[in-house]
Amino acid sequence: MITHKTKYALKALAVLADEKTGDANALRIEQIAERSGAPKRFLEHILLDLKRAGLIGSRRGRKGG
């Protein structure tokens, strides 16, 4: 059985894989949430887990996000 967390993680990874951007055009959590259909707050935790696992990278936003 696939959990909601796993489903949203896979959808987020698919969104990131489909996006062909460089560092200058990194996607924001809001954009990933909208494209994947995942709730933003839940996605924040999922993306943090993916970052800790070394599957994705991140950087701070203009406002320290």
PDB file of N, CA and C in Angstrom:
ATOM      1  N   MET A   1       0.843  -1.179   0.000  1.00  0.00           N
ATOM      2  CA  MET A   1       0.000   0.000   0.000  1.00  0.00           C
ATOM      3  C   MET A   1       0.892   1.248   0.000  1.00  0.00           C
ATOM      4  N   ILE A   2       0.559   2.185  -0.857  1.00  0.00           N
ATOM      5  CA  ILE A   2       1.314   3.432  -0.948  1.00  0.00           C
ATOM      6  C   ILE A   2       0.619   4.484  -0.092  1.00  0.00           C
ATOM      7  N   THR A   3       1.376   5.106   0.797  1.00  0.00           N
ATOM      8  CA  THR A   3       0.813   6.137   1.673  1.00  0.00           C
ATOM      9  C   THR A   3       0.670   7.453   0.907  1.00  0.00           C
ATOM     10  N   HIS A   4      -0.109   8.373   1.492  1.00  0.00           N
ATOM     11  CA  HIS A   4      -0.261   9.701   0.888  1.00  0.00           C
ATOM     12  C   HIS A   4       1.094  10.400   0.805  1.00  0.00           C
ATOM     13  N   LYS A   5       1.900  10.219   1.827  1.00  0.00           N
ATOM     14  CA  LYS A   5       3.221  10.853   1.847  1.00  0.00           C
ATOM     15  C   LYS A   5       4.072  10.361   0.680  1.00  0.00           C
ATOM     16  N   THR A   6       4.066   9.065   0.446  1.00  0.00           N
ATOM     17  CA  THR A   6       4.826   8.493  -0.659  1.00  0.00           C
ATOM     18  C   THR A   6       4.287   8.971  -1.998  1.00  0.00           C
ATOM     19  N   LYS A   7       2.967   8.995  -2.127  1.00  0.00           N
ATOM     20  CA  LYS A   7       2.337   9.445  -3.369  1.00  0.00           C
ATOM     21  C   LYS A   7       2.720  10.889  -3.684  1.00  0.00           C
ATOM     22  N   TYR A   8       2.635  11.761  -2.685  1.00  0.00           N
ATOM     23  CA  TYR A   8       2.981  13.169  -2.900  1.00  0.00           C
ATOM     24  C   TYR A   8       4.477  13.342  -3.159  1.00  0.00           C
ATOM     25  N   ALA A   9       5.304  12.532  -2.512  1.00  0.00           N
ATOM     26  CA  ALA A   9       6.749  12.606  -2.746  1.00  0.00           C
ATOM     27  C   ALA A   9       7.071  12.230  -4.193  1.00  0.00           C
ATOM     28  N   LEU A  10       6.443  11.179  -4.688  1.00  0.00           N
ATOM     29  CA  LEU A  10       6.671  10.765  -6.071  1.00  0.00           C
ATOM     30  C   LEU A  10       6.174  11.813  -7.056  1.00  0.00           C
ATOM     31  N   LYS A  11       5.024  12.408  -6.763  1.00  0.00           N
ATOM     32  CA  LYS A  11       4.498  13.462  -7.637  1.00  0.00           C
ATOM     33  C   LYS A  11       5.420  14.677  -7.640  1.00  0.00           C
ATOM     34  N   ALA A  12       5.936  15.050  -6.474  1.00  0.00           N
ATOM     35  CA  ALA A  12       6.850  16.192  -6.384  1.00  0.00           C
ATOM     36  C   ALA A  12       8.133  15.903  -7.160  1.00  0.00           C
ATOM     37  N   LEU A  13       8.661  14.691  -7.033  1.00  0.00           N
ATOM     38  CA  LEU A  13       9.863  14.324  -7.774  1.00  0.00           C
ATOM     39  C   LEU A  13       9.602  14.341  -9.276  1.00  0.00           C
ATOM     40  N   ALA A  14       8.407  13.936  -9.687  1.00  0.00           N
ATOM     41  CA  ALA A  14       8.053  13.977 -11.110  1.00  0.00           C
ATOM     42  C   ALA A  14       7.994  15.413 -11.614  1.00  0.00           C
ATOM     43  N   VAL A  15       7.437  16.309 -10.809  1.00  0.00           N
ATOM     44  CA  VAL A  15       7.385  17.728 -11.181  1.00  0.00           C
ATOM     45  C   VAL A  15       8.800  18.267 -11.340  1.00  0.00           C
ATOM     46  N   LEU A  16       9.666  17.952 -10.396  1.00  0.00           N
ATOM     47  CA  LEU A  16      11.047  18.428 -10.459  1.00  0.00           C
ATOM     48  C   LEU A  16      11.786  17.832 -11.657  1.00  0.00           C
ATOM     49  N   ALA A  17      11.517  16.579 -11.963  1.00  0.00           N
ATOM     50  CA  ALA A  17      12.176  15.931 -13.102  1.00  0.00           C
ATOM     51  C   ALA A  17      11.703  16.527 -14.421  1.00  0.00           C
ATOM     52  N   ASP A  18      10.426  16.899 -14.488  1.00  0.00           N
ATOM     53  CA  ASP A  18       9.877  17.482 -15.711  1.00  0.00           C
ATOM     54  C   ASP A  18      10.379  18.898 -15.954  1.00  0.00           C
ATOM     55  N   GLU A  19      10.731  19.582 -14.889  1.00  0.00           N
ATOM     56  CA  GLU A  19      11.179  20.973 -15.005  1.00  0.00           C
ATOM     57  C   GLU A  19      12.621  20.994 -15.507  1.00  0.00           C
ATOM     58  N   LYS A  20      12.838  21.675 -16.583  1.00  0.00           N
ATOM     59  CA  LYS A  20      14.190  21.738 -17.159  1.00  0.00           C
ATOM     60  C   LYS A  20      14.752  23.128 -16.925  1.00  0.00           C
ATOM     61  N   THR A  21      15.070  23.414 -15.664  1.00  0.00           N
ATOM     62  CA  THR A  21      15.589  24.731 -15.312  1.00  0.00           C
ATOM     63  C   THR A  21      16.977  24.603 -14.727  1.00  0.00           C
ATOM     64  N   GLY A  22      17.687  25.717 -14.730  1.00  0.00           N
ATOM     65  CA  GLY A  22      18.986  25.772 -14.079  1.00  0.00           C
ATOM     66  C   GLY A  22      18.812  26.297 -12.675  1.00  0.00           C
ATOM     67  N   ASP A  23      19.913  26.570 -11.996  1.00  0.00           N
ATOM     68  CA  ASP A  23      19.878  27.086 -10.630  1.00  0.00           C
ATOM     69  C   ASP A  23      19.124  28.398 -10.512  1.00  0.00           C
ATOM     70  N   ALA A  24      19.224  29.234 -11.536  1.00  0.00           N
ATOM     71  CA  ALA A  24      18.606  30.562 -11.472  1.00  0.00           C
ATOM     72  C   ALA A  24      17.086  30.485 -11.457  1.00  0.00           C
ATOM     73  N   ASN A  25      16.521  29.401 -11.929  1.00  0.00           N
ATOM     74  CA  ASN A  25      15.072  29.280 -12.025  1.00  0.00           C
ATOM     75  C   ASN A  25      14.531  28.133 -11.184  1.00  0.00           C
ATOM     76  N   ALA A  26      15.024  27.988  -9.982  1.00  0.00           N
ATOM     77  CA  ALA A  26      14.571  26.907  -9.107  1.00  0.00           C
ATOM     78  C   ALA A  26      13.085  27.066  -8.812  1.00  0.00           C
ATOM     79  N   LEU A  27      12.402  25.961  -8.633  1.00  0.00           N
ATOM     80  CA  LEU A  27      10.973  25.991  -8.318  1.00  0.00           C
ATOM     81  C   LEU A  27      10.757  26.278  -6.841  1.00  0.00           C
ATOM     82  N   ARG A  28       9.724  27.029  -6.541  1.00  0.00           N
ATOM     83  CA  ARG A  28       9.339  27.279  -5.152  1.00  0.00           C
ATOM     84  C   ARG A  28       8.377  26.181  -4.708  1.00  0.00           C
ATOM     85  N   ILE A  29       8.271  26.017  -3.409  1.00  0.00           N
ATOM     86  CA  ILE A  29       7.373  24.997  -2.857  1.00  0.00           C
ATOM     87  C   ILE A  29       5.947  25.219  -3.349  1.00  0.00           C
ATOM     88  N   GLU A  30       5.527  26.468  -3.429  1.00  0.00           N
ATOM     89  CA  GLU A  30       4.174  26.776  -3.891  1.00  0.00           C
ATOM     90  C   GLU A  30       3.939  26.237  -5.301  1.00  0.00           C
ATOM     91  N   GLN A  31       4.937  26.381  -6.163  1.00  0.00           N
ATOM     92  CA  GLN A  31       4.815  25.901  -7.537  1.00  0.00           C
ATOM     93  C   GLN A  31       4.755  24.376  -7.583  1.00  0.00           C
ATOM     94  N   ILE A  32       5.591  23.736  -6.798  1.00  0.00           N
ATOM     95  CA  ILE A  32       5.597  22.269  -6.764  1.00  0.00           C
ATOM     96  C   ILE A  32       4.271  21.758  -6.210  1.00  0.00           C
ATOM     97  N   ALA A  33       3.768  22.403  -5.158  1.00  0.00           N
ATOM     98  CA  ALA A  33       2.494  21.999  -4.558  1.00  0.00           C
ATOM     99  C   ALA A  33       1.358  22.130  -5.560  1.00  0.00           C
ATOM    100  N   GLU A  34       1.336  23.238  -6.284  1.00  0.00           N
ATOM    101  CA  GLU A  34       0.267  23.463  -7.262  1.00  0.00           C
ATOM    102  C   GLU A  34       0.304  22.421  -8.373  1.00  0.00           C
ATOM    103  N   ARG A  35       1.484  22.144  -8.875  1.00  0.00           N
ATOM    104  CA  ARG A  35       1.625  21.201  -9.993  1.00  0.00           C
ATOM    105  C   ARG A  35       1.413  19.751  -9.578  1.00  0.00           C
ATOM    106  N   SER A  36       1.741  19.425  -8.338  1.00  0.00           N
ATOM    107  CA  SER A  36       1.618  18.035  -7.882  1.00  0.00           C
ATOM    108  C   SER A  36       0.287  17.749  -7.202  1.00  0.00           C
ATOM    109  N   GLY A  37      -0.421  18.809  -6.803  1.00  0.00           N
ATOM    110  CA  GLY A  37      -1.688  18.622  -6.102  1.00  0.00           C
ATOM    111  C   GLY A  37      -1.512  18.316  -4.628  1.00  0.00           C
ATOM    112  N   ALA A  38      -0.312  18.499  -4.109  1.00  0.00           N
ATOM    113  CA  ALA A  38      -0.032  18.214  -2.699  1.00  0.00           C
ATOM    114  C   ALA A  38      -0.290  19.451  -1.845  1.00  0.00           C
ATOM    115  N   PRO A  39      -0.799  19.270  -0.627  1.00  0.00           N
ATOM    116  CA  PRO A  39      -0.949  20.404   0.286  1.00  0.00           C
ATOM    117  C   PRO A  39       0.432  20.990   0.615  1.00  0.00           C
ATOM    118  N   LYS A  40       0.545  22.315   0.574  1.00  0.00           N
ATOM    119  CA  LYS A  40       1.838  22.988   0.740  1.00  0.00           C
ATOM    120  C   LYS A  40       2.525  22.620   2.053  1.00  0.00           C
ATOM    121  N   ARG A  41       1.802  22.674   3.159  1.00  0.00           N
ATOM    122  CA  ARG A  41       2.405  22.387   4.475  1.00  0.00           C
ATOM    123  C   ARG A  41       2.928  20.952   4.548  1.00  0.00           C
ATOM    124  N   PHE A  42       2.167  20.019   4.021  1.00  0.00           N
ATOM    125  CA  PHE A  42       2.578  18.619   4.013  1.00  0.00           C
ATOM    126  C   PHE A  42       3.788  18.446   3.097  1.00  0.00           C
ATOM    127  N   LEU A  43       3.771  19.137   1.968  1.00  0.00           N
ATOM    128  CA  LEU A  43       4.863  19.042   1.011  1.00  0.00           C
ATOM    129  C   LEU A  43       6.166  19.583   1.587  1.00  0.00           C
ATOM    130  N   GLU A  44       6.089  20.596   2.428  1.00  0.00           N
ATOM    131  CA  GLU A  44       7.299  21.134   3.066  1.00  0.00           C
ATOM    132  C   GLU A  44       8.038  20.042   3.830  1.00  0.00           C
ATOM    133  N   HIS A  45       7.299  19.239   4.570  1.00  0.00           N
ATOM    134  CA  HIS A  45       7.906  18.148   5.345  1.00  0.00           C
ATOM    135  C   HIS A  45       8.456  17.057   4.422  1.00  0.00           C
ATOM    136  N   ILE A  46       7.719  16.769   3.373  1.00  0.00           N
ATOM    137  CA  ILE A  46       8.150  15.742   2.428  1.00  0.00           C
ATOM    138  C   ILE A  46       9.442  16.161   1.737  1.00  0.00           C
ATOM    139  N   LEU A  47       9.492  17.421   1.279  1.00  0.00           N
ATOM    140  CA  LEU A  47      10.686  17.901   0.586  1.00  0.00           C
ATOM    141  C   LEU A  47      11.892  17.945   1.519  1.00  0.00           C
ATOM    142  N   LEU A  48      11.658  18.249   2.780  1.00  0.00           N
ATOM    143  CA  LEU A  48      12.752  18.234   3.751  1.00  0.00           C
ATOM    144  C   LEU A  48      13.306  16.816   3.909  1.00  0.00           C
ATOM    145  N   ASP A  49      12.418  15.828   3.961  1.00  0.00           N
ATOM    146  CA  ASP A  49      12.862  14.429   4.028  1.00  0.00           C
ATOM    147  C   ASP A  49      13.661  14.043   2.784  1.00  0.00           C
ATOM    148  N   LEU A  50      13.188  14.475   1.607  1.00  0.00           N
ATOM    149  CA  LEU A  50      13.889  14.169   0.361  1.00  0.00           C
ATOM    150  C   LEU A  50      15.260  14.842   0.326  1.00  0.00           C
ATOM    151  N   LYS A  51      15.339  16.050   0.871  1.00  0.00           N
ATOM    152  CA  LYS A  51      16.623  16.763   0.932  1.00  0.00           C
ATOM    153  C   LYS A  51      17.587  16.033   1.860  1.00  0.00           C
ATOM    154  N   ARG A  52      17.102  15.635   3.018  1.00  0.00           N
ATOM    155  CA  ARG A  52      17.952  14.911   3.978  1.00  0.00           C
ATOM    156  C   ARG A  52      18.456  13.596   3.404  1.00  0.00           C
ATOM    157  N   ALA A  53      17.639  12.984   2.532  1.00  0.00           N
ATOM    158  CA  ALA A  53      18.028  11.723   1.902  1.00  0.00           C
ATOM    159  C   ALA A  53      18.979  11.940   0.726  1.00  0.00           C
ATOM    160  N   GLY A  54      19.221  13.203   0.371  1.00  0.00           N
ATOM    161  CA  GLY A  54      20.132  13.512  -0.720  1.00  0.00           C
ATOM    162  C   GLY A  54      19.520  13.392  -2.103  1.00  0.00           C
ATOM    163  N   LEU A  55      18.193  13.304  -2.174  1.00  0.00           N
ATOM    164  CA  LEU A  55      17.527  13.148  -3.466  1.00  0.00           C
ATOM    165  C   LEU A  55      17.294  14.473  -4.181  1.00  0.00           C
ATOM    166  N   ILE A  56      17.188  15.557  -3.426  1.00  0.00           N
ATOM    167  CA  ILE A  56      16.995  16.884  -4.013  1.00  0.00           C
ATOM    168  C   ILE A  56      17.882  17.880  -3.277  1.00  0.00           C
ATOM    169  N   GLY A  57      18.042  19.034  -3.870  1.00  0.00           N
ATOM    170  CA  GLY A  57      18.776  20.120  -3.233  1.00  0.00           C
ATOM    171  C   GLY A  57      17.831  21.279  -2.989  1.00  0.00           C
ATOM    172  N   SER A  58      18.267  22.215  -2.171  1.00  0.00           N
ATOM    173  CA  SER A  58      17.437  23.385  -1.905  1.00  0.00           C
ATOM    174  C   SER A  58      18.334  24.578  -1.636  1.00  0.00           C
ATOM    175  N   ARG A  59      17.724  25.735  -1.676  1.00  0.00           N
ATOM    176  CA  ARG A  59      18.430  26.955  -1.312  1.00  0.00           C
ATOM    177  C   ARG A  59      17.428  27.936  -0.739  1.00  0.00           C
ATOM    178  N   ARG A  60      17.928  28.848   0.066  1.00  0.00           N
ATOM    179  CA  ARG A  60      17.063  29.829   0.712  1.00  0.00           C
ATOM    180  C   ARG A  60      16.536  30.825  -0.302  1.00  0.00           C
ATOM    181  N   GLY A  61      15.320  31.270  -0.044  1.00  0.00           N
ATOM    182  CA  GLY A  61      14.710  32.277  -0.895  1.00  0.00           C
ATOM    183  C   GLY A  61      15.107  33.683  -0.480  1.00  0.00           C
ATOM    184  N   ARG A  62      14.563  34.660  -1.185  1.00  0.00           N
ATOM    185  CA  ARG A  62      14.867  36.060  -0.910  1.00  0.00           C
ATOM    186  C   ARG A  62      14.526  36.460   0.508  1.00  0.00           C
ATOM    187  N   LYS A  63      13.458  35.899   1.042  1.00  0.00           N
ATOM    188  CA  LYS A  63      12.993  36.263   2.377  1.00  0.00           C
ATOM    189  C   LYS A  63      13.431  35.248   3.428  1.00  0.00           C
ATOM    190  N   GLY A  64      14.443  34.467   3.119  1.00  0.00           N
ATOM    191  CA  GLY A  64      14.981  33.503   4.080  1.00  0.00           C
ATOM    192  C   GLY A  64      14.212  32.215   4.159  1.00  0.00           C
ATOM    193  N   GLY A  65      13.390  31.914   3.164  1.00  0.00           N
ATOM    194  CA  GLY A  65      12.540  30.729   3.171  1.00  0.00           C
ATOM    195  C   GLY A  65      13.265  29.452   2.940  1.00  0.00           C
TER     196      GLY A  65
END
